[in-house]
């Protein structure tokens, strides 16, 4: 049996770190209360021109920390936002 998936991922791409937070308890809402499962943190790769690298590293750190899969049908692939401006 594979690792248990999470209900939602939230990514914050900052100037120094990239953080990916995993939440559970959303699929049963309002009967269940959402809860933070864990966070993965990595150095940002904004200045390198590809925030996807930092995003992948933070996601991998989250998976290692929690033992849960962040890839699957309930969690669409994380994609960096389109460049602003």
N, C-alpha and C. Protein backbone atom coordinates (compact mmCIF):
# COMPACT_ATOMS: atom_id res chain seq x y z
N UNK A 1 0.84 -1.18 0.00
CA UNK A 1 0.00 0.00 0.00
C UNK A 1 0.88 1.24 0.00
N UNK A 2 0.55 2.25 -0.80
CA UNK A 2 1.34 3.47 -0.91
C UNK A 2 1.13 4.39 0.28
N UNK A 3 1.95 5.42 0.33
CA UNK A 3 1.85 6.41 1.39
C UNK A 3 0.52 7.15 1.29
N UNK A 4 -0.01 7.52 2.44
CA UNK A 4 -1.27 8.26 2.49
C UNK A 4 -1.09 9.65 1.88
N UNK A 5 -2.05 10.07 1.08
CA UNK A 5 -2.00 11.38 0.44
C UNK A 5 -2.54 12.45 1.38
N UNK A 6 -2.28 13.69 1.03
CA UNK A 6 -2.82 14.83 1.76
C UNK A 6 -3.95 15.44 0.94
N UNK A 7 -4.77 16.28 1.59
CA UNK A 7 -5.91 16.89 0.89
C UNK A 7 -5.52 18.13 0.10
N UNK A 8 -4.58 18.91 0.60
CA UNK A 8 -4.23 20.15 -0.09
C UNK A 8 -2.80 20.56 0.20
N UNK A 9 -2.20 21.23 -0.77
CA UNK A 9 -0.86 21.80 -0.62
C UNK A 9 -0.94 23.30 -0.85
N UNK A 10 -0.18 24.04 -0.06
CA UNK A 10 -0.08 25.48 -0.24
C UNK A 10 1.40 25.81 -0.33
N UNK A 11 1.80 26.51 -1.37
CA UNK A 11 3.20 26.86 -1.56
C UNK A 11 3.40 28.35 -1.41
N UNK A 12 4.45 28.71 -0.71
CA UNK A 12 4.85 30.12 -0.57
C UNK A 12 6.27 30.24 -1.09
N UNK A 13 6.43 31.01 -2.13
CA UNK A 13 7.74 31.20 -2.74
C UNK A 13 8.22 32.60 -2.37
N UNK A 14 9.20 32.65 -1.50
CA UNK A 14 9.70 33.93 -1.01
C UNK A 14 11.07 34.26 -1.56
N UNK A 15 11.62 35.34 -1.04
CA UNK A 15 12.92 35.79 -1.53
C UNK A 15 14.08 35.00 -0.92
N UNK A 16 13.83 34.28 0.19
CA UNK A 16 14.90 33.49 0.81
C UNK A 16 14.54 32.01 0.93
N UNK A 17 13.26 31.70 1.13
CA UNK A 17 12.85 30.31 1.27
C UNK A 17 11.60 30.01 0.46
N UNK A 18 11.43 28.74 0.17
CA UNK A 18 10.21 28.23 -0.42
C UNK A 18 9.64 27.25 0.58
N UNK A 19 8.36 27.41 0.92
CA UNK A 19 7.70 26.57 1.91
C UNK A 19 6.50 25.91 1.27
N UNK A 20 6.37 24.59 1.45
CA UNK A 20 5.19 23.87 1.00
C UNK A 20 4.53 23.29 2.25
N UNK A 21 3.26 23.65 2.47
CA UNK A 21 2.50 23.19 3.63
C UNK A 21 1.43 22.21 3.17
N UNK A 22 1.26 21.12 3.93
CA UNK A 22 0.27 20.10 3.62
C UNK A 22 -0.85 20.15 4.65
N UNK A 23 -2.07 20.05 4.14
CA UNK A 23 -3.25 20.08 5.00
C UNK A 23 -4.09 18.84 4.78
N UNK A 24 -4.72 18.38 5.85
CA UNK A 24 -5.61 17.23 5.80
C UNK A 24 -6.93 17.64 6.44
N UNK A 25 -7.95 16.83 6.27
CA UNK A 25 -9.24 17.11 6.87
C UNK A 25 -10.14 18.00 6.04
N UNK A 26 -9.73 18.26 4.81
CA UNK A 26 -10.55 19.10 3.94
C UNK A 26 -11.61 18.29 3.18
N UNK A 27 -11.30 17.04 2.91
CA UNK A 27 -12.22 16.24 2.10
C UNK A 27 -13.52 15.93 2.83
N UNK A 28 -13.53 16.01 4.15
CA UNK A 28 -14.75 15.75 4.91
C UNK A 28 -15.42 16.99 5.46
N UNK A 29 -14.91 18.15 5.05
CA UNK A 29 -15.45 19.40 5.57
C UNK A 29 -16.90 19.57 5.16
N UNK A 30 -17.81 20.04 5.98
CA UNK A 30 -17.62 20.69 7.28
C UNK A 30 -17.65 19.74 8.47
N UNK A 31 -17.78 18.44 8.20
CA UNK A 31 -17.82 17.49 9.33
C UNK A 31 -16.44 17.35 9.98
N UNK A 32 -15.39 17.62 9.23
CA UNK A 32 -14.03 17.52 9.78
C UNK A 32 -13.40 18.90 9.80
N UNK A 33 -12.39 19.05 10.63
CA UNK A 33 -11.67 20.32 10.71
C UNK A 33 -10.32 20.18 10.02
N UNK A 34 -9.97 21.12 9.17
CA UNK A 34 -8.66 21.08 8.51
C UNK A 34 -7.54 21.15 9.55
N UNK A 35 -6.43 20.47 9.24
CA UNK A 35 -5.28 20.55 10.13
C UNK A 35 -4.00 20.54 9.30
N UNK A 36 -3.00 21.24 9.83
CA UNK A 36 -1.69 21.27 9.19
C UNK A 36 -0.99 19.95 9.46
N UNK A 37 -0.59 19.27 8.41
CA UNK A 37 0.11 17.99 8.53
C UNK A 37 1.61 18.22 8.70
N UNK A 38 2.15 19.16 7.95
CA UNK A 38 3.58 19.44 8.03
C UNK A 38 3.99 20.46 6.99
N UNK A 39 5.26 20.85 7.07
CA UNK A 39 5.81 21.81 6.12
C UNK A 39 7.18 21.36 5.66
N UNK A 40 7.44 21.57 4.39
CA UNK A 40 8.76 21.34 3.83
C UNK A 40 9.35 22.68 3.44
N UNK A 41 10.62 22.88 3.75
CA UNK A 41 11.27 24.15 3.49
C UNK A 41 12.54 23.91 2.67
N UNK A 42 12.78 24.81 1.72
CA UNK A 42 14.00 24.76 0.90
C UNK A 42 14.43 26.18 0.58
N UNK A 43 15.67 26.33 0.22
CA UNK A 43 16.16 27.63 -0.22
C UNK A 43 15.42 28.03 -1.50
N UNK A 44 15.15 29.31 -1.64
CA UNK A 44 14.47 29.77 -2.84
C UNK A 44 15.39 29.67 -4.05
N UNK A 45 14.78 29.55 -5.21
CA UNK A 45 15.55 29.54 -6.44
C UNK A 45 15.04 30.64 -7.38
N UNK A 46 14.45 31.68 -6.76
CA UNK A 46 13.91 32.80 -7.54
C UNK A 46 15.00 33.45 -8.39
N UNK A 47 16.14 33.75 -7.76
CA UNK A 47 17.21 34.45 -8.48
C UNK A 47 17.85 33.58 -9.56
N UNK A 48 17.73 32.27 -9.42
CA UNK A 48 18.26 31.38 -10.44
C UNK A 48 17.35 31.35 -11.67
N UNK A 49 16.14 31.92 -11.52
CA UNK A 49 15.23 32.00 -12.66
C UNK A 49 14.27 30.84 -12.80
N UNK A 50 14.31 29.88 -11.88
CA UNK A 50 13.41 28.73 -11.95
C UNK A 50 12.94 28.37 -10.55
N UNK A 51 11.80 28.93 -10.13
CA UNK A 51 11.29 28.65 -8.79
C UNK A 51 10.84 27.20 -8.65
N UNK A 52 10.66 26.51 -9.75
CA UNK A 52 10.26 25.11 -9.71
C UNK A 52 11.27 24.22 -9.02
N UNK A 53 12.55 24.58 -9.09
CA UNK A 53 13.59 23.79 -8.44
C UNK A 53 13.42 23.85 -6.92
N UNK A 54 13.25 25.06 -6.39
CA UNK A 54 13.03 25.21 -4.95
C UNK A 54 11.72 24.60 -4.51
N UNK A 55 10.71 24.70 -5.35
CA UNK A 55 9.41 24.11 -5.07
C UNK A 55 9.51 22.60 -4.96
N UNK A 56 10.22 21.98 -5.89
CA UNK A 56 10.40 20.52 -5.86
C UNK A 56 11.18 20.10 -4.62
N UNK A 57 12.19 20.87 -4.23
CA UNK A 57 12.99 20.54 -3.05
C UNK A 57 12.16 20.65 -1.78
N UNK A 58 11.32 21.69 -1.67
CA UNK A 58 10.47 21.86 -0.50
C UNK A 58 9.43 20.75 -0.43
N UNK A 59 8.91 20.36 -1.57
CA UNK A 59 7.92 19.28 -1.62
C UNK A 59 8.56 17.96 -1.19
N UNK A 60 9.77 17.70 -1.66
CA UNK A 60 10.48 16.47 -1.27
C UNK A 60 10.77 16.46 0.22
N UNK A 61 11.14 17.62 0.77
CA UNK A 61 11.39 17.71 2.22
C UNK A 61 10.11 17.43 3.00
N UNK A 62 8.98 17.93 2.51
CA UNK A 62 7.69 17.67 3.15
C UNK A 62 7.36 16.18 3.14
N UNK A 63 7.54 15.54 2.00
CA UNK A 63 7.26 14.11 1.89
C UNK A 63 8.14 13.30 2.82
N UNK A 64 9.41 13.68 2.91
CA UNK A 64 10.33 12.96 3.81
C UNK A 64 9.93 13.15 5.27
N UNK A 65 9.56 14.36 5.63
CA UNK A 65 9.20 14.67 7.01
C UNK A 65 7.92 13.95 7.44
N UNK A 66 6.91 13.95 6.57
CA UNK A 66 5.61 13.42 6.95
C UNK A 66 5.38 11.97 6.57
N UNK A 67 6.14 11.47 5.60
CA UNK A 67 5.91 10.11 5.12
C UNK A 67 4.66 10.01 4.28
N UNK A 68 4.15 11.15 3.84
CA UNK A 68 2.93 11.17 3.02
C UNK A 68 3.24 11.60 1.59
N UNK A 69 2.47 11.07 0.68
CA UNK A 69 2.61 11.42 -0.73
C UNK A 69 1.94 12.76 -0.99
N UNK A 70 2.58 13.61 -1.77
CA UNK A 70 1.94 14.85 -2.20
C UNK A 70 1.61 14.77 -3.69
N UNK A 71 1.70 13.59 -4.24
CA UNK A 71 1.40 13.41 -5.66
C UNK A 71 0.25 12.42 -5.79
N UNK A 72 -0.74 12.80 -6.54
CA UNK A 72 -1.86 11.89 -6.73
C UNK A 72 -3.09 12.63 -7.22
N UNK A 73 -4.16 11.91 -7.33
CA UNK A 73 -5.36 12.46 -7.93
C UNK A 73 -5.98 13.58 -7.12
N UNK A 74 -5.79 13.57 -5.79
CA UNK A 74 -6.41 14.62 -4.98
C UNK A 74 -5.56 15.88 -4.93
N UNK A 75 -4.30 15.81 -5.27
CA UNK A 75 -3.42 16.97 -5.25
C UNK A 75 -2.90 17.24 -6.64
N UNK A 76 -3.43 18.26 -7.31
CA UNK A 76 -2.90 18.55 -8.65
C UNK A 76 -1.45 18.96 -8.56
N UNK A 77 -0.69 18.80 -9.63
CA UNK A 77 0.72 19.15 -9.59
C UNK A 77 0.93 20.61 -9.22
N UNK A 78 1.92 20.85 -8.39
CA UNK A 78 2.27 22.24 -8.05
C UNK A 78 2.96 22.85 -9.25
N UNK A 79 2.56 24.04 -9.60
CA UNK A 79 3.18 24.76 -10.70
C UNK A 79 3.47 26.17 -10.22
N UNK A 80 4.63 26.67 -10.54
CA UNK A 80 4.91 28.05 -10.17
C UNK A 80 3.97 29.00 -10.91
N UNK A 81 3.62 30.12 -10.27
CA UNK A 81 2.75 31.08 -10.95
C UNK A 81 3.43 31.72 -12.13
N UNK A 82 2.64 32.23 -13.05
CA UNK A 82 3.19 32.97 -14.18
C UNK A 82 3.90 34.21 -13.66
N UNK A 83 4.93 34.61 -14.34
CA UNK A 83 5.68 35.80 -13.92
C UNK A 83 4.77 37.02 -13.88
N UNK A 84 4.92 37.79 -12.84
CA UNK A 84 4.12 39.00 -12.68
C UNK A 84 4.82 40.16 -13.39
N UNK A 85 4.03 41.08 -13.86
CA UNK A 85 4.62 42.29 -14.43
C UNK A 85 4.58 42.24 -15.88
